[in-house]
Amino acid sequence: MAATNYAVAPGEYLEEWIDDHSLSQQRVAELLGSSRKQVNEIINGRAPITSDTAMRLERVVGIPAKTWLKYEALYRADLARIADEERLAGHADEVASSAIT
């Protein structure tokens, strides 16, 4: 099975839930006991979902904390794999160009 060349931030699931429930990020932040900035950063994949955040998301959204943590781990692993593939591709280009000269 070929690896994908993209990573899905777990916050995308949160954003979908927010949209489905016609809520604002501010309202969800209030429900979670966090800041709107944190909710926005989770949605955009800039802030990780910690164990504490996962428990709060479970209470508010209904998706089990272990699922949120699994989504987070998969996202971070995909980001690392993509970065590694890009780094290796850069080295392959260097090797190819040095073989030509």
N, C-alpha and C. Protein backbone atom coordinates (compact mmCIF):
# COMPACT_ATOMS: atom_id res chain seq x y z
N MET A 1 0.85 -1.18 0.00
CA MET A 1 0.00 0.00 0.00
C MET A 1 0.89 1.24 0.00
N ALA A 2 0.68 2.12 -0.92
CA ALA A 2 1.49 3.34 -1.05
C ALA A 2 1.08 4.35 0.02
N ALA A 3 2.07 5.06 0.52
CA ALA A 3 1.81 6.09 1.51
C ALA A 3 1.23 7.33 0.83
N THR A 4 0.41 8.02 1.56
CA THR A 4 -0.16 9.25 1.02
C THR A 4 0.84 10.38 1.17
N ASN A 5 0.69 11.41 0.37
CA ASN A 5 1.62 12.54 0.44
C ASN A 5 0.97 13.73 1.14
N TYR A 6 0.02 13.46 2.01
CA TYR A 6 -0.63 14.51 2.78
C TYR A 6 -0.90 13.98 4.19
N ALA A 7 -1.14 14.90 5.10
CA ALA A 7 -1.45 14.55 6.48
C ALA A 7 -2.76 15.24 6.86
N VAL A 8 -3.63 14.50 7.52
CA VAL A 8 -4.91 15.05 7.95
C VAL A 8 -4.81 15.41 9.43
N ALA A 9 -4.90 16.71 9.70
CA ALA A 9 -4.86 17.17 11.09
C ALA A 9 -6.12 16.71 11.81
N PRO A 10 -5.99 16.24 13.05
CA PRO A 10 -7.18 15.82 13.78
C PRO A 10 -8.17 16.96 13.97
N GLY A 11 -7.68 18.18 13.90
CA GLY A 11 -8.56 19.33 14.01
C GLY A 11 -9.56 19.42 12.87
N GLU A 12 -9.26 18.77 11.75
CA GLU A 12 -10.23 18.77 10.65
C GLU A 12 -11.52 18.08 11.06
N TYR A 13 -11.40 17.04 11.91
CA TYR A 13 -12.59 16.36 12.42
C TYR A 13 -13.35 17.28 13.36
N LEU A 14 -12.60 18.04 14.17
CA LEU A 14 -13.23 19.00 15.07
C LEU A 14 -13.94 20.09 14.27
N GLU A 15 -13.29 20.59 13.23
CA GLU A 15 -13.90 21.63 12.40
C GLU A 15 -15.20 21.12 11.76
N GLU A 16 -15.19 19.88 11.30
CA GLU A 16 -16.40 19.30 10.70
C GLU A 16 -17.52 19.22 11.74
N TRP A 17 -17.16 18.81 12.97
CA TRP A 17 -18.16 18.71 14.04
C TRP A 17 -18.72 20.09 14.36
N ILE A 18 -17.86 21.09 14.43
CA ILE A 18 -18.28 22.47 14.70
C ILE A 18 -19.27 22.93 13.62
N ASP A 19 -18.91 22.68 12.37
CA ASP A 19 -19.79 23.06 11.25
C ASP A 19 -21.13 22.33 11.32
N ASP A 20 -21.07 21.02 11.59
CA ASP A 20 -22.30 20.22 11.65
C ASP A 20 -23.24 20.71 12.74
N HIS A 21 -22.68 21.27 13.81
CA HIS A 21 -23.48 21.72 14.94
C HIS A 21 -23.71 23.24 14.93
N SER A 22 -23.29 23.87 13.85
CA SER A 22 -23.47 25.33 13.68
C SER A 22 -22.98 26.12 14.89
N LEU A 23 -21.79 25.76 15.36
CA LEU A 23 -21.19 26.44 16.50
C LEU A 23 -20.03 27.30 16.04
N SER A 24 -19.67 28.25 16.86
CA SER A 24 -18.48 29.06 16.58
C SER A 24 -17.29 28.43 17.31
N GLN A 25 -16.09 28.76 16.84
CA GLN A 25 -14.90 28.31 17.56
C GLN A 25 -14.89 28.86 18.97
N GLN A 26 -15.39 30.07 19.15
CA GLN A 26 -15.45 30.67 20.49
C GLN A 26 -16.34 29.85 21.42
N ARG A 27 -17.50 29.44 20.91
CA ARG A 27 -18.43 28.64 21.74
C ARG A 27 -17.81 27.30 22.09
N VAL A 28 -17.15 26.66 21.15
CA VAL A 28 -16.50 25.38 21.41
C VAL A 28 -15.38 25.56 22.43
N ALA A 29 -14.64 26.65 22.32
CA ALA A 29 -13.59 26.94 23.29
C ALA A 29 -14.20 27.06 24.69
N GLU A 30 -15.33 27.74 24.79
CA GLU A 30 -15.99 27.86 26.09
C GLU A 30 -16.40 26.49 26.63
N LEU A 31 -16.95 25.66 25.77
CA LEU A 31 -17.35 24.31 26.18
C LEU A 31 -16.16 23.46 26.62
N LEU A 32 -15.03 23.68 25.95
CA LEU A 32 -13.81 22.92 26.27
C LEU A 32 -13.05 23.51 27.46
N GLY A 33 -13.36 24.74 27.80
CA GLY A 33 -12.59 25.41 28.85
C GLY A 33 -11.22 25.81 28.35
N SER A 34 -11.17 26.22 27.10
CA SER A 34 -9.90 26.64 26.50
C SER A 34 -10.12 27.97 25.78
N SER A 35 -9.08 28.43 25.11
CA SER A 35 -9.18 29.68 24.36
C SER A 35 -9.61 29.40 22.92
N ARG A 36 -10.18 30.42 22.28
CA ARG A 36 -10.53 30.29 20.86
C ARG A 36 -9.27 30.07 20.04
N LYS A 37 -8.18 30.72 20.46
CA LYS A 37 -6.90 30.55 19.76
C LYS A 37 -6.46 29.09 19.78
N GLN A 38 -6.61 28.42 20.92
CA GLN A 38 -6.21 27.02 20.99
C GLN A 38 -7.08 26.16 20.07
N VAL A 39 -8.37 26.41 20.06
CA VAL A 39 -9.27 25.66 19.18
C VAL A 39 -8.86 25.89 17.73
N ASN A 40 -8.59 27.14 17.37
CA ASN A 40 -8.17 27.45 16.00
C ASN A 40 -6.86 26.76 15.65
N GLU A 41 -5.92 26.74 16.57
CA GLU A 41 -4.63 26.10 16.30
C GLU A 41 -4.76 24.59 16.20
N ILE A 42 -5.66 23.99 16.95
CA ILE A 42 -5.93 22.56 16.81
C ILE A 42 -6.53 22.29 15.44
N ILE A 43 -7.51 23.09 15.05
CA ILE A 43 -8.16 22.91 13.74
C ILE A 43 -7.13 23.00 12.61
N ASN A 44 -6.18 23.91 12.73
CA ASN A 44 -5.19 24.11 11.68
C ASN A 44 -3.94 23.25 11.83
N GLY A 45 -3.94 22.34 12.80
CA GLY A 45 -2.83 21.41 12.96
C GLY A 45 -1.58 22.01 13.57
N ARG A 46 -1.69 23.21 14.12
CA ARG A 46 -0.52 23.87 14.72
C ARG A 46 -0.35 23.53 16.18
N ALA A 47 -1.43 23.16 16.87
CA ALA A 47 -1.35 22.78 18.28
C ALA A 47 -1.71 21.30 18.39
N PRO A 48 -0.90 20.55 19.10
CA PRO A 48 -1.21 19.12 19.25
C PRO A 48 -2.37 18.88 20.20
N ILE A 49 -3.03 17.77 20.03
CA ILE A 49 -4.06 17.35 20.96
C ILE A 49 -3.37 16.55 22.06
N THR A 50 -3.37 17.11 23.24
CA THR A 50 -2.76 16.45 24.40
C THR A 50 -3.77 15.51 25.04
N SER A 51 -3.32 14.73 26.01
CA SER A 51 -4.23 13.83 26.72
C SER A 51 -5.35 14.61 27.39
N ASP A 52 -5.01 15.74 27.99
CA ASP A 52 -6.02 16.58 28.66
C ASP A 52 -7.03 17.11 27.65
N THR A 53 -6.53 17.62 26.54
CA THR A 53 -7.42 18.14 25.50
C THR A 53 -8.30 17.02 24.95
N ALA A 54 -7.73 15.85 24.77
CA ALA A 54 -8.49 14.71 24.24
C ALA A 54 -9.64 14.35 25.18
N MET A 55 -9.39 14.39 26.49
CA MET A 55 -10.46 14.09 27.46
C MET A 55 -11.57 15.14 27.39
N ARG A 56 -11.19 16.41 27.26
CA ARG A 56 -12.19 17.47 27.15
C ARG A 56 -12.97 17.35 25.85
N LEU A 57 -12.27 17.00 24.75
CA LEU A 57 -12.96 16.82 23.47
C LEU A 57 -13.94 15.65 23.56
N GLU A 58 -13.55 14.60 24.25
CA GLU A 58 -14.46 13.46 24.41
C GLU A 58 -15.76 13.90 25.09
N ARG A 59 -15.64 14.69 26.14
CA ARG A 59 -16.83 15.15 26.88
C ARG A 59 -17.71 16.06 26.02
N VAL A 60 -17.10 16.89 25.19
CA VAL A 60 -17.87 17.87 24.40
C VAL A 60 -18.36 17.28 23.08
N VAL A 61 -17.45 16.62 22.37
CA VAL A 61 -17.75 16.16 21.01
C VAL A 61 -18.33 14.74 20.99
N GLY A 62 -17.89 13.92 21.96
CA GLY A 62 -18.39 12.55 22.02
C GLY A 62 -17.48 11.53 21.38
N ILE A 63 -16.42 11.97 20.72
CA ILE A 63 -15.43 11.04 20.16
C ILE A 63 -14.48 10.67 21.29
N PRO A 64 -14.24 9.36 21.52
CA PRO A 64 -13.39 8.94 22.64
C PRO A 64 -12.00 9.58 22.61
N ALA A 65 -11.48 9.86 23.79
CA ALA A 65 -10.15 10.48 23.92
C ALA A 65 -9.09 9.65 23.20
N LYS A 66 -9.17 8.33 23.31
CA LYS A 66 -8.15 7.49 22.66
C LYS A 66 -8.18 7.65 21.14
N THR A 67 -9.35 7.94 20.60
CA THR A 67 -9.46 8.17 19.15
C THR A 67 -8.80 9.48 18.77
N TRP A 68 -9.04 10.54 19.57
CA TRP A 68 -8.37 11.82 19.31
C TRP A 68 -6.86 11.66 19.37
N LEU A 69 -6.37 10.91 20.37
CA LEU A 69 -4.93 10.72 20.50
C LEU A 69 -4.36 9.89 19.36
N LYS A 70 -5.15 8.93 18.87
CA LYS A 70 -4.72 8.15 17.71
C LYS A 70 -4.64 9.03 16.47
N TYR A 71 -5.66 9.88 16.27
CA TYR A 71 -5.63 10.82 15.14
C TYR A 71 -4.39 11.71 15.22
N GLU A 72 -4.10 12.20 16.43
CA GLU A 72 -2.94 13.08 16.63
C GLU A 72 -1.64 12.36 16.30
N ALA A 73 -1.49 11.13 16.80
CA ALA A 73 -0.27 10.37 16.55
C ALA A 73 -0.09 10.09 15.06
N LEU A 74 -1.17 9.72 14.39
CA LEU A 74 -1.10 9.46 12.95
C LEU A 74 -0.72 10.73 12.18
N TYR A 75 -1.29 11.85 12.58
CA TYR A 75 -1.00 13.13 11.93
C TYR A 75 0.48 13.47 12.08
N ARG A 76 0.99 13.39 13.29
CA ARG A 76 2.40 13.74 13.52
C ARG A 76 3.32 12.77 12.79
N ALA A 77 2.97 11.48 12.75
CA ALA A 77 3.78 10.49 12.02
C ALA A 77 3.76 10.80 10.52
N ASP A 78 2.60 11.16 9.99
CA ASP A 78 2.51 11.51 8.57
C ASP A 78 3.34 12.74 8.26
N LEU A 79 3.29 13.76 9.14
CA LEU A 79 4.11 14.96 8.92
C LEU A 79 5.59 14.60 8.89
N ALA A 80 6.02 13.75 9.82
CA ALA A 80 7.43 13.35 9.87
C ALA A 80 7.82 12.56 8.62
N ARG A 81 6.94 11.66 8.18
CA ARG A 81 7.23 10.87 6.99
C ARG A 81 7.33 11.76 5.75
N ILE A 82 6.41 12.71 5.62
CA ILE A 82 6.43 13.61 4.47
C ILE A 82 7.71 14.44 4.47
N ALA A 83 8.08 14.97 5.64
CA ALA A 83 9.32 15.76 5.74
C ALA A 83 10.53 14.91 5.38
N ASP A 84 10.54 13.66 5.83
CA ASP A 84 11.65 12.76 5.52
C ASP A 84 11.71 12.46 4.02
N GLU A 85 10.55 12.21 3.42
CA GLU A 85 10.51 11.94 1.97
C GLU A 85 11.00 13.15 1.18
N GLU A 86 10.63 14.35 1.62
CA GLU A 86 11.09 15.56 0.94
C GLU A 86 12.60 15.72 1.08
N ARG A 87 13.11 15.42 2.28
CA ARG A 87 14.55 15.51 2.51
C ARG A 87 15.28 14.50 1.63
N LEU A 88 14.78 13.28 1.57
CA LEU A 88 15.42 12.25 0.75
C LEU A 88 15.33 12.59 -0.74
N ALA A 89 14.21 13.16 -1.16
CA ALA A 89 14.06 13.55 -2.56
C ALA A 89 15.10 14.61 -2.91
N GLY A 90 15.36 15.53 -1.99
CA GLY A 90 16.38 16.55 -2.21
C GLY A 90 17.75 15.93 -2.38
N HIS A 91 18.04 14.90 -1.59
CA HIS A 91 19.33 14.22 -1.72
C HIS A 91 19.41 13.44 -3.03
N ALA A 92 18.30 12.87 -3.46
CA ALA A 92 18.29 12.14 -4.73
C ALA A 92 18.58 13.10 -5.87
N ASP A 93 18.03 14.31 -5.81
CA ASP A 93 18.32 15.32 -6.83
C ASP A 93 19.80 15.69 -6.83
N GLU A 94 20.38 15.81 -5.64
CA GLU A 94 21.81 16.13 -5.53
C GLU A 94 22.67 15.03 -6.14
N VAL A 95 22.31 13.78 -5.85
CA VAL A 95 23.07 12.64 -6.38
C VAL A 95 22.94 12.58 -7.89
N ALA A 96 21.72 12.80 -8.39
CA ALA A 96 21.50 12.76 -9.84
C ALA A 96 22.29 13.87 -10.54
N SER A 97 22.30 15.06 -9.97
CA SER A 97 23.02 16.16 -10.63
C SER A 97 24.53 15.99 -10.53
N SER A 98 25.03 15.37 -9.47
CA SER A 98 26.47 15.16 -9.37
C SER A 98 26.92 14.03 -10.30
N ALA A 99 26.03 13.10 -10.60
CA ALA A 99 26.36 12.01 -11.53
C ALA A 99 26.48 12.53 -12.96
N ILE A 100 25.75 13.60 -13.26
CA ILE A 100 25.76 14.17 -14.60
C ILE A 100 27.06 14.94 -14.84
N THR A 101 27.57 15.60 -13.83
CA THR A 101 28.75 16.45 -14.02
C THR A 101 30.03 15.68 -13.95
